[in-house]
Amino acid sequence: MTLFPRRSAYVHIVTVETFKPEISEAMAAYDRYVVCIDKTPDEFQASLQSLLKKAIKAYETRGPELRHGIALDKYVTVILSQNDNPRPFCGVYFNLHSPYQKAASCRPSKAKKEIIGGEG
């Protein structure tokens, strides 16, 4: 359980269960739209719950001027955002990735001779 102090004397308890509707919606989107060779739907759900716990922890320990708690892995980003209600907004974002995407070149490029004026 996590307690989120508000500006008033009211305190709201936030847990992974608080965001059950968002988890269900993300699971449905994952089943329907996401092709992921690395994770089964059950592994995705476990990963999502773990990320949500981390986002709650980040939200709980954020600085006084910060409004978000964020947790992410290679495939999913979870963001909790402060708003005017006791319950923070919860966003679940799928990180787009293609196994066919070319890897960036890690080798440094060779220096090219620059021609100045009429020199050649």
Protein backbone atom coordinates (compact mmCIF):
# COMPACT_ATOMS: atom_id res chain seq x y z
CA MET A 1 0.00 0.00 0.00
CA THR A 2 1.13 3.49 -0.80
CA LEU A 3 -0.11 6.74 0.66
CA PHE A 4 -0.22 9.80 -1.54
CA PRO A 5 -0.37 13.05 0.40
CA ARG A 6 -2.50 15.74 -1.20
CA ARG A 7 -2.43 19.46 -0.70
CA SER A 8 -5.34 19.14 1.70
CA ALA A 9 -5.43 16.90 4.75
CA TYR A 10 -6.96 14.10 2.62
CA VAL A 11 -4.80 11.03 1.98
CA HIS A 12 -5.53 8.40 -0.71
CA ILE A 13 -4.26 4.81 -0.69
CA VAL A 14 -2.95 3.63 -4.07
CA THR A 15 -2.05 0.03 -4.98
CA VAL A 16 -1.72 -1.99 -8.17
CA GLU A 17 -5.39 -2.96 -7.71
CA THR A 18 -6.33 0.74 -7.94
CA PHE A 19 -5.42 0.60 -11.62
CA LYS A 20 -7.19 -2.68 -12.45
CA PRO A 21 -9.24 -1.07 -15.29
CA GLU A 22 -6.06 0.23 -16.94
CA ILE A 23 -4.38 -3.17 -16.62
CA SER A 24 -7.41 -4.89 -18.19
CA GLU A 25 -7.47 -2.40 -21.06
CA ALA A 26 -3.72 -2.80 -21.69
CA MET A 27 -4.06 -6.60 -21.61
CA ALA A 28 -6.87 -6.47 -24.18
CA ALA A 29 -4.79 -4.21 -26.46
CA TYR A 30 -1.77 -6.50 -26.05
CA ASP A 31 -3.82 -9.58 -26.97
CA ARG A 32 -5.39 -7.89 -29.96
CA TYR A 33 -2.71 -5.64 -31.46
CA VAL A 34 0.77 -6.42 -30.16
CA VAL A 35 2.98 -9.09 -31.66
CA CYS A 36 5.75 -9.83 -29.20
CA ILE A 37 7.93 -12.87 -29.55
CA ASP A 38 9.62 -12.32 -26.17
CA LYS A 39 6.55 -12.32 -23.89
CA THR A 40 3.42 -14.39 -23.60
CA PRO A 41 0.27 -12.59 -22.41
CA ASP A 42 0.82 -14.00 -18.90
CA GLU A 43 4.44 -12.76 -18.87
CA PHE A 44 3.24 -9.39 -20.15
CA GLN A 45 0.69 -9.13 -17.34
CA ALA A 46 3.33 -9.96 -14.71
CA SER A 47 5.67 -7.40 -16.28
CA LEU A 48 2.92 -4.77 -16.35
CA GLN A 49 2.13 -5.30 -12.66
CA SER A 50 5.82 -5.08 -11.77
CA LEU A 51 6.19 -1.85 -13.75
CA LEU A 52 3.10 -0.44 -12.07
CA LYS A 53 4.61 -1.14 -8.64
CA LYS A 54 7.79 0.65 -9.72
CA ALA A 55 5.79 3.60 -11.09
CA ILE A 56 3.87 3.85 -7.79
CA LYS A 57 7.19 3.87 -5.90
CA ALA A 58 8.59 6.56 -8.24
CA TYR A 59 5.38 8.59 -7.86
CA GLU A 60 5.47 8.26 -4.10
CA THR A 61 9.10 9.37 -3.81
CA ARG A 62 9.03 12.12 -6.47
CA GLY A 63 10.26 15.59 -5.63
CA PRO A 64 7.84 18.32 -4.52
CA GLU A 65 7.76 20.00 -7.94
CA LEU A 66 7.46 16.77 -9.96
CA ARG A 67 4.11 15.40 -11.16
CA HIS A 68 4.90 11.94 -12.55
CA GLY A 69 6.07 8.47 -11.62
CA ILE A 70 7.49 6.53 -14.56
CA ALA A 71 8.63 2.92 -15.02
CA LEU A 72 9.54 1.24 -18.28
CA ASP A 73 11.11 -1.74 -19.93
CA LYS A 74 11.94 -2.49 -23.56
CA TYR A 75 8.27 -2.94 -24.51
CA VAL A 76 6.07 -0.92 -22.14
CA THR A 77 6.10 2.45 -20.35
CA VAL A 78 3.83 3.09 -17.35
CA ILE A 79 3.26 6.70 -16.26
CA LEU A 80 1.33 7.87 -13.20
CA SER A 81 0.43 11.56 -13.38
CA GLN A 82 -0.77 13.85 -10.62
CA ASN A 83 -4.09 15.58 -11.25
CA ASP A 84 -6.80 17.33 -9.22
CA ASN A 85 -8.31 14.03 -8.06
CA PRO A 86 -6.95 11.79 -5.29
CA ARG A 87 -6.30 8.99 -7.81
CA PRO A 88 -3.46 9.71 -10.27
CA PHE A 89 -3.94 9.17 -13.99
CA CYS A 90 -2.37 5.95 -15.25
CA GLY A 91 -1.05 5.68 -18.80
CA VAL A 92 0.24 2.45 -20.35
CA TYR A 93 2.21 2.94 -23.56
CA PHE A 94 3.57 0.27 -25.87
CA ASN A 95 7.10 1.07 -27.04
CA LEU A 96 7.18 0.42 -30.77
CA HIS A 97 9.98 -1.86 -31.88
CA SER A 98 10.66 -3.81 -35.02
CA PRO A 99 13.05 -6.74 -35.28
CA TYR A 100 13.61 -5.61 -38.88
CA GLN A 101 14.86 -2.16 -37.89
CA LYS A 102 18.49 -1.64 -38.84
CA ALA A 103 20.86 -1.33 -35.91
CA ALA A 104 22.67 2.00 -35.68
CA SER A 105 26.28 1.92 -36.75
CA CYS A 106 28.59 1.87 -33.74
CA ARG A 107 31.80 2.57 -35.62
CA PRO A 108 33.01 6.16 -35.86
CA SER A 109 32.92 7.78 -39.27
CA LYS A 110 36.19 8.65 -40.98
CA ALA A 111 37.24 12.30 -41.10
CA LYS A 112 36.87 13.87 -44.52
CA LYS A 113 39.24 16.44 -45.93
CA GLU A 114 37.55 19.80 -46.19
CA ILE A 115 38.35 21.95 -49.19
CA ILE A 116 38.57 25.64 -48.40
CA GLY A 117 38.46 28.25 -51.14
CA GLY A 118 40.17 27.12 -54.35
CA GLU A 119 42.51 24.63 -52.68
CA GLY A 120 42.20 21.12 -53.82
